[in-house]
Amino acid sequence: MTAVEYLVSTIDKKYINAFISKIVKQAKEMEKKQITDAYIEGGIKGFDLFADDYEQYYNETFKNE
């Protein structure tokens, strides 16, 4: 393996994957907040019965892990 091949393989495996994982995690957190805010807003506008169980709603509807 050449020095350049080593550099490329190291960057690809360690840094790019870690960077992408971090961005994906941040995007999922943003999406959860948006869904939660929309769900609570719906509760405020007339569906108060459901406004308090947004965490359960999110987990049942969107959580795949």
N, C-alpha and C. Protein backbone atom coordinates (compact mmCIF):
# COMPACT_ATOMS: atom_id res chain seq x y z
N MET A 1 0.86 -1.17 0.00
CA MET A 1 0.00 0.00 0.00
C MET A 1 0.91 1.24 0.00
N THR A 2 0.58 2.16 -0.85
CA THR A 2 1.35 3.40 -0.90
C THR A 2 0.89 4.34 0.20
N ALA A 3 1.65 5.37 0.43
CA ALA A 3 1.28 6.36 1.44
C ALA A 3 -0.03 7.04 1.09
N VAL A 4 -0.22 7.32 -0.18
CA VAL A 4 -1.47 7.98 -0.62
C VAL A 4 -2.64 7.03 -0.45
N GLU A 5 -2.48 5.76 -0.81
CA GLU A 5 -3.55 4.78 -0.63
C GLU A 5 -3.91 4.64 0.86
N TYR A 6 -2.91 4.63 1.70
CA TYR A 6 -3.14 4.57 3.15
C TYR A 6 -3.93 5.79 3.62
N LEU A 7 -3.53 6.95 3.16
CA LEU A 7 -4.21 8.19 3.54
C LEU A 7 -5.68 8.14 3.14
N VAL A 8 -5.92 7.77 1.89
CA VAL A 8 -7.30 7.72 1.39
C VAL A 8 -8.12 6.70 2.17
N SER A 9 -7.59 5.53 2.40
CA SER A 9 -8.36 4.50 3.12
C SER A 9 -8.62 4.90 4.57
N THR A 10 -7.67 5.55 5.19
CA THR A 10 -7.83 5.99 6.57
C THR A 10 -8.87 7.09 6.66
N ILE A 11 -8.79 8.06 5.78
CA ILE A 11 -9.78 9.15 5.77
C ILE A 11 -11.16 8.60 5.48
N ASP A 12 -11.28 7.75 4.47
CA ASP A 12 -12.57 7.20 4.11
C ASP A 12 -13.21 6.46 5.27
N LYS A 13 -12.46 5.60 5.90
CA LYS A 13 -13.04 4.73 6.92
C LYS A 13 -13.28 5.44 8.24
N LYS A 14 -12.34 6.21 8.69
CA LYS A 14 -12.44 6.78 10.03
C LYS A 14 -13.12 8.14 10.06
N TYR A 15 -12.68 9.05 9.23
CA TYR A 15 -13.13 10.42 9.36
C TYR A 15 -14.42 10.71 8.61
N ILE A 16 -14.51 10.26 7.40
CA ILE A 16 -15.73 10.54 6.63
C ILE A 16 -16.92 9.82 7.24
N ASN A 17 -16.77 8.56 7.60
CA ASN A 17 -17.88 7.82 8.21
C ASN A 17 -18.28 8.43 9.54
N ALA A 18 -17.32 8.85 10.34
CA ALA A 18 -17.64 9.49 11.62
C ALA A 18 -18.35 10.81 11.40
N PHE A 19 -17.89 11.57 10.41
CA PHE A 19 -18.51 12.87 10.09
C PHE A 19 -19.95 12.67 9.62
N ILE A 20 -20.15 11.72 8.73
CA ILE A 20 -21.49 11.45 8.23
C ILE A 20 -22.40 10.97 9.36
N SER A 21 -21.88 10.11 10.21
CA SER A 21 -22.68 9.62 11.35
C SER A 21 -23.10 10.77 12.25
N LYS A 22 -22.21 11.70 12.48
CA LYS A 22 -22.52 12.85 13.32
C LYS A 22 -23.61 13.71 12.69
N ILE A 23 -23.50 13.94 11.38
CA ILE A 23 -24.51 14.75 10.68
C ILE A 23 -25.86 14.04 10.69
N VAL A 24 -25.87 12.75 10.47
CA VAL A 24 -27.13 11.99 10.48
C VAL A 24 -27.77 12.06 11.86
N LYS A 25 -26.98 11.92 12.91
CA LYS A 25 -27.50 12.00 14.28
C LYS A 25 -28.13 13.38 14.53
N GLN A 26 -27.43 14.44 14.11
CA GLN A 26 -27.96 15.79 14.29
C GLN A 26 -29.25 15.98 13.51
N ALA A 27 -29.30 15.45 12.30
CA ALA A 27 -30.52 15.58 11.48
C ALA A 27 -31.68 14.84 12.13
N LYS A 28 -31.42 13.66 12.69
CA LYS A 28 -32.48 12.92 13.37
C LYS A 28 -33.00 13.67 14.59
N GLU A 29 -32.10 14.31 15.33
CA GLU A 29 -32.51 15.11 16.49
C GLU A 29 -33.36 16.29 16.05
N MET A 30 -32.97 16.94 14.96
CA MET A 30 -33.75 18.07 14.45
C MET A 30 -35.14 17.60 14.00
N GLU A 31 -35.18 16.45 13.31
CA GLU A 31 -36.45 15.92 12.84
C GLU A 31 -37.36 15.56 14.01
N LYS A 32 -36.79 14.96 15.06
CA LYS A 32 -37.59 14.61 16.23
C LYS A 32 -38.19 15.86 16.85
N LYS A 33 -37.40 16.93 16.96
CA LYS A 33 -37.91 18.18 17.53
C LYS A 33 -39.03 18.74 16.67
N GLN A 34 -38.87 18.71 15.35
CA GLN A 34 -39.91 19.23 14.47
C GLN A 34 -41.20 18.41 14.60
N ILE A 35 -41.07 17.10 14.65
CA ILE A 35 -42.25 16.24 14.79
C ILE A 35 -42.91 16.47 16.14
N THR A 36 -42.11 16.55 17.18
CA THR A 36 -42.63 16.79 18.52
C THR A 36 -43.34 18.14 18.59
N ASP A 37 -42.71 19.18 18.04
CA ASP A 37 -43.34 20.51 18.04
C ASP A 37 -44.66 20.50 17.30
N ALA A 38 -44.71 19.83 16.16
CA ALA A 38 -45.95 19.77 15.38
C ALA A 38 -47.03 19.00 16.14
N TYR A 39 -46.64 17.93 16.79
CA TYR A 39 -47.60 17.13 17.55
C TYR A 39 -48.17 17.93 18.71
N ILE A 40 -47.30 18.63 19.43
CA ILE A 40 -47.76 19.46 20.56
C ILE A 40 -48.63 20.61 20.05
N GLU A 41 -48.23 21.23 18.95
CA GLU A 41 -49.02 22.32 18.37
C GLU A 41 -50.41 21.83 18.00
N GLY A 42 -50.50 20.63 17.47
CA GLY A 42 -51.81 20.05 17.17
C GLY A 42 -52.63 19.89 18.45
N GLY A 43 -51.98 19.52 19.53
CA GLY A 43 -52.67 19.38 20.81
C GLY A 43 -53.17 20.71 21.32
N ILE A 44 -52.37 21.73 21.15
CA ILE A 44 -52.76 23.07 21.60
C ILE A 44 -53.96 23.58 20.81
N LYS A 45 -54.04 23.19 19.55
CA LYS A 45 -55.11 23.70 18.69
C LYS A 45 -56.37 22.84 18.72
N GLY A 46 -56.53 22.04 19.76
CA GLY A 46 -57.81 21.35 19.88
C GLY A 46 -57.73 19.87 20.17
N PHE A 47 -56.55 19.32 20.18
CA PHE A 47 -56.43 17.91 20.47
C PHE A 47 -55.65 17.71 21.76
N ASP A 48 -56.07 18.41 22.81
CA ASP A 48 -55.37 18.40 24.09
C ASP A 48 -55.20 17.00 24.67
N LEU A 49 -56.08 16.11 24.33
CA LEU A 49 -56.01 14.75 24.84
C LEU A 49 -54.67 14.09 24.49
N PHE A 50 -54.09 14.46 23.35
CA PHE A 50 -52.87 13.82 22.87
C PHE A 50 -51.60 14.62 23.12
N ALA A 51 -51.70 15.83 23.59
CA ALA A 51 -50.54 16.71 23.70
C ALA A 51 -49.47 16.21 24.66
N ASP A 52 -49.83 15.45 25.66
CA ASP A 52 -48.86 15.03 26.66
C ASP A 52 -48.13 13.73 26.31
N ASP A 53 -48.61 12.99 25.34
CA ASP A 53 -47.96 11.71 25.03
C ASP A 53 -47.15 11.76 23.74
N TYR A 54 -46.58 12.92 23.43
CA TYR A 54 -45.81 13.07 22.19
C TYR A 54 -44.60 12.15 22.15
N GLU A 55 -43.96 11.90 23.31
CA GLU A 55 -42.78 11.01 23.33
C GLU A 55 -43.18 9.59 22.94
N GLN A 56 -44.29 9.12 23.47
CA GLN A 56 -44.79 7.80 23.12
C GLN A 56 -45.17 7.77 21.64
N TYR A 57 -45.87 8.79 21.18
CA TYR A 57 -46.24 8.89 19.77
C TYR A 57 -45.01 8.83 18.87
N TYR A 58 -44.00 9.62 19.18
CA TYR A 58 -42.78 9.64 18.38
C TYR A 58 -42.12 8.26 18.35
N ASN A 59 -41.96 7.66 19.51
CA ASN A 59 -41.29 6.36 19.58
C ASN A 59 -42.04 5.28 18.82
N GLU A 60 -43.35 5.26 18.94
CA GLU A 60 -44.14 4.25 18.25
C GLU A 60 -44.17 4.48 16.74
N THR A 61 -44.16 5.74 16.33
CA THR A 61 -44.32 6.08 14.92
C THR A 61 -43.01 6.13 14.14
N PHE A 62 -41.96 6.67 14.76
CA PHE A 62 -40.74 6.96 14.02
C PHE A 62 -39.50 6.24 14.49
N LYS A 63 -39.49 5.68 15.66
CA LYS A 63 -38.28 5.06 16.21
C LYS A 63 -38.08 3.68 15.59
N ASN A 64 -36.96 3.49 14.93
CA ASN A 64 -36.66 2.21 14.29
C ASN A 64 -35.58 1.44 15.01
N GLU A 65 -34.99 2.01 16.03
CA GLU A 65 -33.83 1.41 16.66
C GLU A 65 -34.20 0.48 17.78
